[in-house]
Amino acid sequence: EAGHGALDVLVLNAGGPAPGRITAIDDQGWQDAFELLL
């Protein structure tokens, strides 16, 4: 905001986490994906 003025538009586009089936993802994989996506 200081360098470019009011923030009017925010596009939130996070890269995808590693592919994998739900029982194959370990705790760290879920934590990393949680931080990245949500």
PDB file of all heavy atoms in Angstrom:
ATOM      1  N   GLU A   1       0.824  -1.213   0.000  1.00  0.00           N
ATOM      2  CA  GLU A   1       0.000   0.000   0.000  1.00  0.00           C
ATOM      3  C   GLU A   1       0.856   1.261   0.000  1.00  0.00           C
ATOM      4  O   GLU A   1       0.498   2.262  -0.632  1.00  0.00           O
ATOM      5  CB  GLU A   1      -0.948  -0.023   1.193  1.00  0.00           C
ATOM      6  CG  GLU A   1      -1.985  -1.127   1.089  1.00  0.00           C
ATOM      7  CD  GLU A   1      -3.114  -0.990   2.088  1.00  0.00           C
ATOM      8  OE1 GLU A   1      -2.870  -0.473   3.197  1.00  0.00           O
ATOM      9  OE2 GLU A   1      -4.240  -1.383   1.754  1.00  0.00           O
ATOM     10  N   ALA A   2       1.984   1.213   0.689  1.00  0.00           N
ATOM     11  CA  ALA A   2       2.858   2.388   0.718  1.00  0.00           C
ATOM     12  C   ALA A   2       3.477   2.658  -0.649  1.00  0.00           C
ATOM     13  O   ALA A   2       3.632   3.808  -1.063  1.00  0.00           O
ATOM     14  CB  ALA A   2       3.954   2.193   1.768  1.00  0.00           C
ATOM     15  N   GLY A   3       3.801   1.593  -1.377  1.00  0.00           N
ATOM     16  CA  GLY A   3       4.466   1.770  -2.662  1.00  0.00           C
ATOM     17  C   GLY A   3       3.544   1.855  -3.847  1.00  0.00           C
ATOM     18  O   GLY A   3       3.930   2.398  -4.890  1.00  0.00           O
ATOM     19  N   HIS A   4       2.325   1.341  -3.709  1.00  0.00           N
ATOM     20  CA  HIS A   4       1.448   1.228  -4.879  1.00  0.00           C
ATOM     21  C   HIS A   4       0.036   1.741  -4.648  1.00  0.00           C
ATOM     22  O   HIS A   4      -0.801   1.641  -5.546  1.00  0.00           O
ATOM     23  CB  HIS A   4       1.390  -0.236  -5.332  1.00  0.00           C
ATOM     24  CG  HIS A   4       2.731  -0.807  -5.676  1.00  0.00           C
ATOM     25  ND1 HIS A   4       3.322  -0.655  -6.914  1.00  0.00           N
ATOM     26  CD2 HIS A   4       3.617  -1.504  -4.925  1.00  0.00           C
ATOM     27  CE1 HIS A   4       4.503  -1.244  -6.919  1.00  0.00           C
ATOM     28  NE2 HIS A   4       4.704  -1.769  -5.718  1.00  0.00           N
ATOM     29  N   GLY A   5      -0.259   2.249  -3.486  1.00  0.00           N
ATOM     30  CA  GLY A   5      -1.592   2.764  -3.215  1.00  0.00           C
ATOM     31  C   GLY A   5      -2.498   1.709  -2.614  1.00  0.00           C
ATOM     32  O   GLY A   5      -2.066   0.626  -2.228  1.00  0.00           O
ATOM     33  N   ALA A   6      -3.776   2.035  -2.545  1.00  0.00           N
ATOM     34  CA  ALA A   6      -4.758   1.169  -1.893  1.00  0.00           C
ATOM     35  C   ALA A   6      -4.795  -0.212  -2.532  1.00  0.00           C
ATOM     36  O   ALA A   6      -4.695  -0.361  -3.755  1.00  0.00           O
ATOM     37  CB  ALA A   6      -6.142   1.811  -1.972  1.00  0.00           C
ATOM     38  N   LEU A   7      -4.946  -1.221  -1.693  1.00  0.00           N
ATOM     39  CA  LEU A   7      -5.057  -2.597  -2.163  1.00  0.00           C
ATOM     40  C   LEU A   7      -6.528  -2.868  -2.475  1.00  0.00           C
ATOM     41  O   LEU A   7      -7.337  -3.120  -1.586  1.00  0.00           O
ATOM     42  CB  LEU A   7      -4.546  -3.559  -1.086  1.00  0.00           C
ATOM     43  CG  LEU A   7      -4.593  -5.055  -1.407  1.00  0.00           C
ATOM     44  CD1 LEU A   7      -3.772  -5.369  -2.653  1.00  0.00           C
ATOM     45  CD2 LEU A   7      -4.096  -5.861  -0.220  1.00  0.00           C
ATOM     46  N   ASP A   8      -6.864  -2.816  -3.761  1.00  0.00           N
ATOM     47  CA  ASP A   8      -8.253  -2.991  -4.183  1.00  0.00           C
ATOM     48  C   ASP A   8      -8.587  -4.427  -4.556  1.00  0.00           C
ATOM     49  O   ASP A   8      -9.737  -4.856  -4.437  1.00  0.00           O
ATOM     50  CB  ASP A   8      -8.559  -2.091  -5.387  1.00  0.00           C
ATOM     51  CG  ASP A   8      -8.516  -0.617  -5.026  1.00  0.00           C
ATOM     52  OD1 ASP A   8      -8.934  -0.272  -3.906  1.00  0.00           O
ATOM     53  OD2 ASP A   8      -8.055   0.176  -5.854  1.00  0.00           O
ATOM     54  N   VAL A   9      -7.598  -5.155  -5.068  1.00  0.00           N
ATOM     55  CA  VAL A   9      -7.825  -6.515  -5.553  1.00  0.00           C
ATOM     56  C   VAL A   9      -6.774  -7.439  -4.953  1.00  0.00           C
ATOM     57  O   VAL A   9      -5.578  -7.142  -5.010  1.00  0.00           O
ATOM     58  CB  VAL A   9      -7.755  -6.584  -7.094  1.00  0.00           C
ATOM     59  CG1 VAL A   9      -7.932  -8.024  -7.576  1.00  0.00           C
ATOM     60  CG2 VAL A   9      -8.809  -5.680  -7.729  1.00  0.00           C
ATOM     61  N   LEU A  10      -7.225  -8.546  -4.388  1.00  0.00           N
ATOM     62  CA  LEU A  10      -6.327  -9.553  -3.837  1.00  0.00           C
ATOM     63  C   LEU A  10      -6.663 -10.899  -4.473  1.00  0.00           C
ATOM     64  O   LEU A  10      -7.766 -11.410  -4.316  1.00  0.00           O
ATOM     65  CB  LEU A  10      -6.488  -9.640  -2.316  1.00  0.00           C
ATOM     66  CG  LEU A  10      -5.650 -10.706  -1.592  1.00  0.00           C
ATOM     67  CD1 LEU A  10      -4.158 -10.430  -1.744  1.00  0.00           C
ATOM     68  CD2 LEU A  10      -6.045 -10.765  -0.114  1.00  0.00           C
ATOM     69  N   VAL A  11      -5.709 -11.454  -5.212  1.00  0.00           N
ATOM     70  CA  VAL A  11      -5.878 -12.767  -5.832  1.00  0.00           C
ATOM     71  C   VAL A  11      -4.988 -13.748  -5.078  1.00  0.00           C
ATOM     72  O   VAL A  11      -3.774 -13.562  -5.005  1.00  0.00           O
ATOM     73  CB  VAL A  11      -5.499 -12.745  -7.328  1.00  0.00           C
ATOM     74  CG1 VAL A  11      -5.675 -14.134  -7.943  1.00  0.00           C
ATOM     75  CG2 VAL A  11      -6.358 -11.731  -8.078  1.00  0.00           C
ATOM     76  N   LEU A  12      -5.599 -14.776  -4.523  1.00  0.00           N
ATOM     77  CA  LEU A  12      -4.893 -15.737  -3.686  1.00  0.00           C
ATOM     78  C   LEU A  12      -4.785 -17.050  -4.447  1.00  0.00           C
ATOM     79  O   LEU A  12      -5.756 -17.798  -4.581  1.00  0.00           O
ATOM     80  CB  LEU A  12      -5.644 -15.919  -2.364  1.00  0.00           C
ATOM     81  CG  LEU A  12      -5.693 -14.621  -1.534  1.00  0.00           C
ATOM     82  CD1 LEU A  12      -6.827 -14.652  -0.534  1.00  0.00           C
ATOM     83  CD2 LEU A  12      -4.366 -14.389  -0.841  1.00  0.00           C
ATOM     84  N   ASN A  13      -3.600 -17.294  -4.975  1.00  0.00           N
ATOM     85  CA  ASN A  13      -3.375 -18.438  -5.858  1.00  0.00           C
ATOM     86  C   ASN A  13      -2.143 -19.194  -5.370  1.00  0.00           C
ATOM     87  O   ASN A  13      -1.018 -18.821  -5.673  1.00  0.00           O
ATOM     88  CB  ASN A  13      -3.180 -17.973  -7.299  1.00  0.00           C
ATOM     89  CG  ASN A  13      -2.993 -19.137  -8.255  1.00  0.00           C
ATOM     90  OD1 ASN A  13      -3.435 -20.246  -7.991  1.00  0.00           O
ATOM     91  ND2 ASN A  13      -2.328 -18.882  -9.372  1.00  0.00           N
ATOM     92  N   ALA A  14      -2.356 -20.237  -4.580  1.00  0.00           N
ATOM     93  CA  ALA A  14      -1.245 -21.024  -4.045  1.00  0.00           C
ATOM     94  C   ALA A  14      -0.988 -22.229  -4.936  1.00  0.00           C
ATOM     95  O   ALA A  14      -1.911 -22.826  -5.480  1.00  0.00           O
ATOM     96  CB  ALA A  14      -1.574 -21.497  -2.626  1.00  0.00           C
ATOM     97  N   GLY A  15       0.265 -22.597  -5.089  1.00  0.00           N
ATOM     98  CA  GLY A  15       0.607 -23.781  -5.861  1.00  0.00           C
ATOM     99  C   GLY A  15       0.053 -25.034  -5.220  1.00  0.00           C
ATOM    100  O   GLY A  15      -0.223 -25.070  -4.018  1.00  0.00           O
ATOM    101  N   GLY A  16      -0.095 -26.068  -6.007  1.00  0.00           N
ATOM    102  CA  GLY A  16      -0.684 -27.302  -5.487  1.00  0.00           C
ATOM    103  C   GLY A  16       0.306 -28.108  -4.657  1.00  0.00           C
ATOM    104  O   GLY A  16       1.502 -28.127  -4.936  1.00  0.00           O
ATOM    105  N   PRO A  17      -0.187 -28.806  -3.633  1.00  0.00           N
ATOM    106  CA  PRO A  17       0.669 -29.701  -2.849  1.00  0.00           C
ATOM    107  C   PRO A  17       0.992 -30.960  -3.641  1.00  0.00           C
ATOM    108  O   PRO A  17       0.426 -31.215  -4.703  1.00  0.00           O
ATOM    109  CB  PRO A  17      -0.196 -30.020  -1.625  1.00  0.00           C
ATOM    110  CG  PRO A  17      -1.592 -29.924  -2.146  1.00  0.00           C
ATOM    111  CD  PRO A  17      -1.575 -28.824  -3.176  1.00  0.00           C
ATOM    112  N   ALA A  18       1.888 -31.759  -3.109  1.00  0.00           N
ATOM    113  CA  ALA A  18       2.258 -33.000  -3.794  1.00  0.00           C
ATOM    114  C   ALA A  18       1.036 -33.895  -3.959  1.00  0.00           C
ATOM    115  O   ALA A  18       0.214 -34.019  -3.048  1.00  0.00           O
ATOM    116  CB  ALA A  18       3.326 -33.724  -2.992  1.00  0.00           C
ATOM    117  N   PRO A  19       0.887 -34.533  -5.122  1.00  0.00           N
ATOM    118  CA  PRO A  19      -0.215 -35.475  -5.303  1.00  0.00           C
ATOM    119  C   PRO A  19      -0.094 -36.639  -4.324  1.00  0.00           C
ATOM    120  O   PRO A  19       1.001 -36.983  -3.865  1.00  0.00           O
ATOM    121  CB  PRO A  19      -0.031 -35.957  -6.750  1.00  0.00           C
ATOM    122  CG  PRO A  19       0.787 -34.905  -7.418  1.00  0.00           C
ATOM    123  CD  PRO A  19       1.703 -34.392  -6.343  1.00  0.00           C
ATOM    124  N   GLY A  20      -1.223 -37.257  -4.002  1.00  0.00           N
ATOM    125  CA  GLY A  20      -1.205 -38.412  -3.107  1.00  0.00           C
ATOM    126  C   GLY A  20      -2.607 -38.735  -2.637  1.00  0.00           C
ATOM    127  O   GLY A  20      -3.470 -37.852  -2.556  1.00  0.00           O
ATOM    128  N   ARG A  21      -2.839 -40.001  -2.341  1.00  0.00           N
ATOM    129  CA  ARG A  21      -4.133 -40.422  -1.820  1.00  0.00           C
ATOM    130  C   ARG A  21      -4.222 -40.106  -0.332  1.00  0.00           C
ATOM    131  O   ARG A  21      -3.199 -39.930   0.348  1.00  0.00           O
ATOM    132  CB  ARG A  21      -4.348 -41.908  -2.092  1.00  0.00           C
ATOM    133  CG  ARG A  21      -4.344 -42.229  -3.594  1.00  0.00           C
ATOM    134  CD  ARG A  21      -4.575 -43.706  -3.851  1.00  0.00           C
ATOM    135  NE  ARG A  21      -5.980 -44.036  -3.685  1.00  0.00           N
ATOM    136  CZ  ARG A  21      -6.894 -43.970  -4.658  1.00  0.00           C
ATOM    137  NH1 ARG A  21      -6.554 -43.546  -5.865  1.00  0.00           N
ATOM    138  NH2 ARG A  21      -8.151 -44.302  -4.425  1.00  0.00           N
ATOM    139  N   ILE A  22      -5.434 -40.040   0.197  1.00  0.00           N
ATOM    140  CA  ILE A  22      -5.642 -39.481   1.527  1.00  0.00           C
ATOM    141  C   ILE A  22      -4.920 -40.255   2.626  1.00  0.00           C
ATOM    142  O   ILE A  22      -4.401 -39.662   3.573  1.00  0.00           O
ATOM    143  CB  ILE A  22      -7.158 -39.348   1.819  1.00  0.00           C
ATOM    144  CG1 ILE A  22      -7.376 -38.483   3.051  1.00  0.00           C
ATOM    145  CG2 ILE A  22      -7.821 -40.716   1.954  1.00  0.00           C
ATOM    146  CD1 ILE A  22      -8.786 -37.960   3.179  1.00  0.00           C
ATOM    147  N   THR A  23      -4.820 -41.578   2.525  1.00  0.00           N
ATOM    148  CA  THR A  23      -4.143 -42.342   3.571  1.00  0.00           C
ATOM    149  C   THR A  23      -2.629 -42.400   3.385  1.00  0.00           C
ATOM    150  O   THR A  23      -1.922 -42.923   4.245  1.00  0.00           O
ATOM    151  CB  THR A  23      -4.694 -43.776   3.632  1.00  0.00           C
ATOM    152  OG1 THR A  23      -4.560 -44.385   2.339  1.00  0.00           O
ATOM    153  CG2 THR A  23      -6.160 -43.781   4.057  1.00  0.00           C
ATOM    154  N   ALA A  24      -2.140 -41.854   2.275  1.00  0.00           N
ATOM    155  CA  ALA A  24      -0.699 -41.883   2.014  1.00  0.00           C
ATOM    156  C   ALA A  24       0.006 -40.603   2.460  1.00  0.00           C
ATOM    157  O   ALA A  24       1.232 -40.531   2.429  1.00  0.00           O
ATOM    158  CB  ALA A  24      -0.452 -42.117   0.523  1.00  0.00           C
ATOM    159  N   ILE A  25      -0.756 -39.612   2.866  1.00  0.00           N
ATOM    160  CA  ILE A  25      -0.166 -38.326   3.264  1.00  0.00           C
ATOM    161  C   ILE A  25       0.126 -38.367   4.757  1.00  0.00           C
ATOM    162  O   ILE A  25      -0.774 -38.624   5.573  1.00  0.00           O
ATOM    163  CB  ILE A  25      -1.121 -37.167   2.934  1.00  0.00           C
ATOM    164  CG1 ILE A  25      -1.469 -37.171   1.441  1.00  0.00           C
ATOM    165  CG2 ILE A  25      -0.504 -35.829   3.334  1.00  0.00           C
ATOM    166  CD1 ILE A  25      -2.586 -36.225   1.071  1.00  0.00           C
ATOM    167  N   ASP A  26       1.384 -38.093   5.122  1.00  0.00           N
ATOM    168  CA  ASP A  26       1.734 -38.120   6.540  1.00  0.00           C
ATOM    169  C   ASP A  26       1.431 -36.773   7.196  1.00  0.00           C
ATOM    170  O   ASP A  26       0.986 -35.821   6.532  1.00  0.00           O
ATOM    171  CB  ASP A  26       3.201 -38.513   6.739  1.00  0.00           C
ATOM    172  CG  ASP A  26       4.183 -37.543   6.086  1.00  0.00           C
ATOM    173  OD1 ASP A  26       3.794 -36.395   5.758  1.00  0.00           O
ATOM    174  OD2 ASP A  26       5.353 -37.931   5.908  1.00  0.00           O
ATOM    175  N   ASP A  27       1.679 -36.700   8.506  1.00  0.00           N
ATOM    176  CA  ASP A  27       1.333 -35.489   9.253  1.00  0.00           C
ATOM    177  C   ASP A  27       2.041 -34.256   8.698  1.00  0.00           C
ATOM    178  O   ASP A  27       1.438 -33.184   8.592  1.00  0.00           O
ATOM    179  CB  ASP A  27       1.700 -35.657  10.734  1.00  0.00           C
ATOM    180  CG  ASP A  27       0.748 -36.585  11.462  1.00  0.00           C
ATOM    181  OD1 ASP A  27      -0.236 -37.029  10.842  1.00  0.00           O
ATOM    182  OD2 ASP A  27       0.986 -36.854  12.656  1.00  0.00           O
ATOM    183  N   GLN A  28       3.314 -34.405   8.347  1.00  0.00           N
ATOM    184  CA  GLN A  28       4.048 -33.260   7.828  1.00  0.00           C
ATOM    185  C   GLN A  28       3.495 -32.814   6.483  1.00  0.00           C
ATOM    186  O   GLN A  28       3.427 -31.619   6.188  1.00  0.00           O
ATOM    187  CB  GLN A  28       5.537 -33.579   7.703  1.00  0.00           C
ATOM    188  CG  GLN A  28       6.399 -32.352   7.393  1.00  0.00           C
ATOM    189  CD  GLN A  28       6.267 -31.276   8.439  1.00  0.00           C
ATOM    190  OE1 GLN A  28       6.455 -31.547   9.627  1.00  0.00           O
ATOM    191  NE2 GLN A  28       5.949 -30.054   8.035  1.00  0.00           N
ATOM    192  N   GLY A  29       3.087 -33.783   5.664  1.00  0.00           N
ATOM    193  CA  GLY A  29       2.489 -33.435   4.378  1.00  0.00           C
ATOM    194  C   GLY A  29       1.210 -32.642   4.549  1.00  0.00           C
ATOM    195  O   GLY A  29       0.966 -31.661   3.838  1.00  0.00           O
ATOM    196  N   TRP A  30       0.386 -33.055   5.515  1.00  0.00           N
ATOM    197  CA  TRP A  30      -0.845 -32.308   5.789  1.00  0.00           C
ATOM    198  C   TRP A  30      -0.522 -30.912   6.321  1.00  0.00           C
ATOM    199  O   TRP A  30      -1.164 -29.928   5.939  1.00  0.00           O
ATOM    200  CB  TRP A  30      -1.714 -33.058   6.795  1.00  0.00           C
ATOM    201  CG  TRP A  30      -2.486 -34.187   6.207  1.00  0.00           C
ATOM    202  CD1 TRP A  30      -2.308 -35.522   6.448  1.00  0.00           C
ATOM    203  CD2 TRP A  30      -3.552 -34.101   5.244  1.00  0.00           C
ATOM    204  NE1 TRP A  30      -3.198 -36.260   5.706  1.00  0.00           N
ATOM    205  CE2 TRP A  30      -3.971 -35.424   4.970  1.00  0.00           C
ATOM    206  CE3 TRP A  30      -4.185 -33.041   4.606  1.00  0.00           C
ATOM    207  CZ2 TRP A  30      -5.006 -35.707   4.075  1.00  0.00           C
ATOM    208  CZ3 TRP A  30      -5.222 -33.315   3.716  1.00  0.00           C
ATOM    209  CH2 TRP A  30      -5.619 -34.634   3.456  1.00  0.00           C
ATOM    210  N   GLN A  31       0.465 -30.832   7.212  1.00  0.00           N
ATOM    211  CA  GLN A  31       0.808 -29.535   7.785  1.00  0.00           C
ATOM    212  C   GLN A  31       1.325 -28.580   6.716  1.00  0.00           C
ATOM    213  O   GLN A  31       0.959 -27.399   6.678  1.00  0.00           O
ATOM    214  CB  GLN A  31       1.864 -29.703   8.887  1.00  0.00           C
ATOM    215  CG  GLN A  31       2.117 -28.445   9.702  1.00  0.00           C
ATOM    216  CD  GLN A  31       0.880 -27.954  10.432  1.00  0.00           C
ATOM    217  OE1 GLN A  31       0.195 -28.729  11.088  1.00  0.00           O
ATOM    218  NE2 GLN A  31       0.577 -26.679  10.313  1.00  0.00           N
ATOM    219  N   ASP A  32       2.187 -29.089   5.837  1.00  0.00           N
ATOM    220  CA  ASP A  32       2.718 -28.245   4.756  1.00  0.00           C
ATOM    221  C   ASP A  32       1.592 -27.770   3.836  1.00  0.00           C
ATOM    222  O   ASP A  32       1.559 -26.604   3.420  1.00  0.00           O
ATOM    223  CB  ASP A  32       3.750 -29.031   3.941  1.00  0.00           C
ATOM    224  CG  ASP A  32       5.028 -29.311   4.724  1.00  0.00           C
ATOM    225  OD1 ASP A  32       5.248 -28.655   5.774  1.00  0.00           O
ATOM    226  OD2 ASP A  32       5.804 -30.175   4.288  1.00  0.00           O
ATOM    227  N   ALA A  33       0.679 -28.681   3.504  1.00  0.00           N
ATOM    228  CA  ALA A  33      -0.432 -28.317   2.622  1.00  0.00           C
ATOM    229  C   ALA A  33      -1.367 -27.322   3.299  1.00  0.00           C
ATOM    230  O   ALA A  33      -1.900 -26.399   2.662  1.00  0.00           O
ATOM    231  CB  ALA A  33      -1.192 -29.570   2.202  1.00  0.00           C
ATOM    232  N   PHE A  34      -1.581 -27.502   4.599  1.00  0.00           N
ATOM    233  CA  PHE A  34      -2.423 -26.579   5.367  1.00  0.00           C
ATOM    234  C   PHE A  34      -1.852 -25.161   5.342  1.00  0.00           C
ATOM    235  O   PHE A  34      -2.566 -24.177   5.122  1.00  0.00           O
ATOM    236  CB  PHE A  34      -2.533 -27.098   6.801  1.00  0.00           C
ATOM    237  CG  PHE A  34      -3.237 -26.164   7.754  1.00  0.00           C
ATOM    238  CD1 PHE A  34      -4.602 -25.975   7.688  1.00  0.00           C
ATOM    239  CD2 PHE A  34      -2.516 -25.471   8.727  1.00  0.00           C
ATOM    240  CE1 PHE A  34      -5.249 -25.117   8.576  1.00  0.00           C
ATOM    241  CE2 PHE A  34      -3.158 -24.618   9.605  1.00  0.00           C
ATOM    242  CZ  PHE A  34      -4.521 -24.435   9.532  1.00  0.00           C
ATOM    243  N   GLU A  35      -0.551 -25.051   5.540  1.00  0.00           N
ATOM    244  CA  GLU A  35       0.110 -23.748   5.522  1.00  0.00           C
ATOM    245  C   GLU A  35       0.023 -23.114   4.144  1.00  0.00           C
ATOM    246  O   GLU A  35      -0.246 -21.920   4.000  1.00  0.00           O
ATOM    247  CB  GLU A  35       1.567 -23.915   5.940  1.00  0.00           C
ATOM    248  CG  GLU A  35       2.380 -22.634   5.917  1.00  0.00           C
ATOM    249  CD  GLU A  35       2.019 -21.678   7.042  1.00  0.00           C
ATOM    250  OE1 GLU A  35       1.625 -22.157   8.125  1.00  0.00           O
ATOM    251  OE2 GLU A  35       2.129 -20.452   6.833  1.00  0.00           O
ATOM    252  N   LEU A  36       0.254 -23.924   3.116  1.00  0.00           N
ATOM    253  CA  LEU A  36       0.269 -23.417   1.743  1.00  0.00           C
ATOM    254  C   LEU A  36      -1.115 -23.008   1.252  1.00  0.00           C
ATOM    255  O   LEU A  36      -1.292 -21.910   0.711  1.00  0.00           O
ATOM    256  CB  LEU A  36       0.836 -24.503   0.824  1.00  0.00           C
ATOM    257  CG  LEU A  36       0.781 -24.232  -0.687  1.00  0.00           C
ATOM    258  CD1 LEU A  36       1.703 -23.074  -1.060  1.00  0.00           C
ATOM    259  CD2 LEU A  36       1.151 -25.487  -1.471  1.00  0.00           C
ATOM    260  N   LEU A  37      -2.092 -23.882   1.425  1.00  0.00           N
ATOM    261  CA  LEU A  37      -3.389 -23.690   0.775  1.00  0.00           C
ATOM    262  C   LEU A  37      -4.394 -22.904   1.598  1.00  0.00           C
ATOM    263  O   LEU A  37      -5.250 -22.219   1.039  1.00  0.00           O
ATOM    264  CB  LEU A  37      -3.997 -25.051   0.429  1.00  0.00           C
ATOM    265  CG  LEU A  37      -3.247 -25.899  -0.590  1.00  0.00           C
ATOM    266  CD1 LEU A  37      -3.989 -27.203  -0.822  1.00  0.00           C
ATOM    267  CD2 LEU A  37      -3.064 -25.154  -1.898  1.00  0.00           C
ATOM    268  N   LEU A  38      -4.332 -23.021   2.921  1.00  0.00           N
ATOM    269  CA  LEU A  38      -5.376 -22.416   3.749  1.00  0.00           C
ATOM    270  C   LEU A  38      -4.855 -21.298   4.640  1.00  0.00           C
ATOM    271  O   LEU A  38      -5.329 -20.168   4.559  1.00  0.00           O
ATOM    272  CB  LEU A  38      -6.055 -23.491   4.600  1.00  0.00           C
ATOM    273  CG  LEU A  38      -7.208 -23.024   5.491  1.00  0.00           C
ATOM    274  CD1 LEU A  38      -8.334 -22.422   4.651  1.00  0.00           C
ATOM    275  CD2 LEU A  38      -7.737 -24.181   6.332  1.00  0.00           C
TER     276      LEU A  38
END
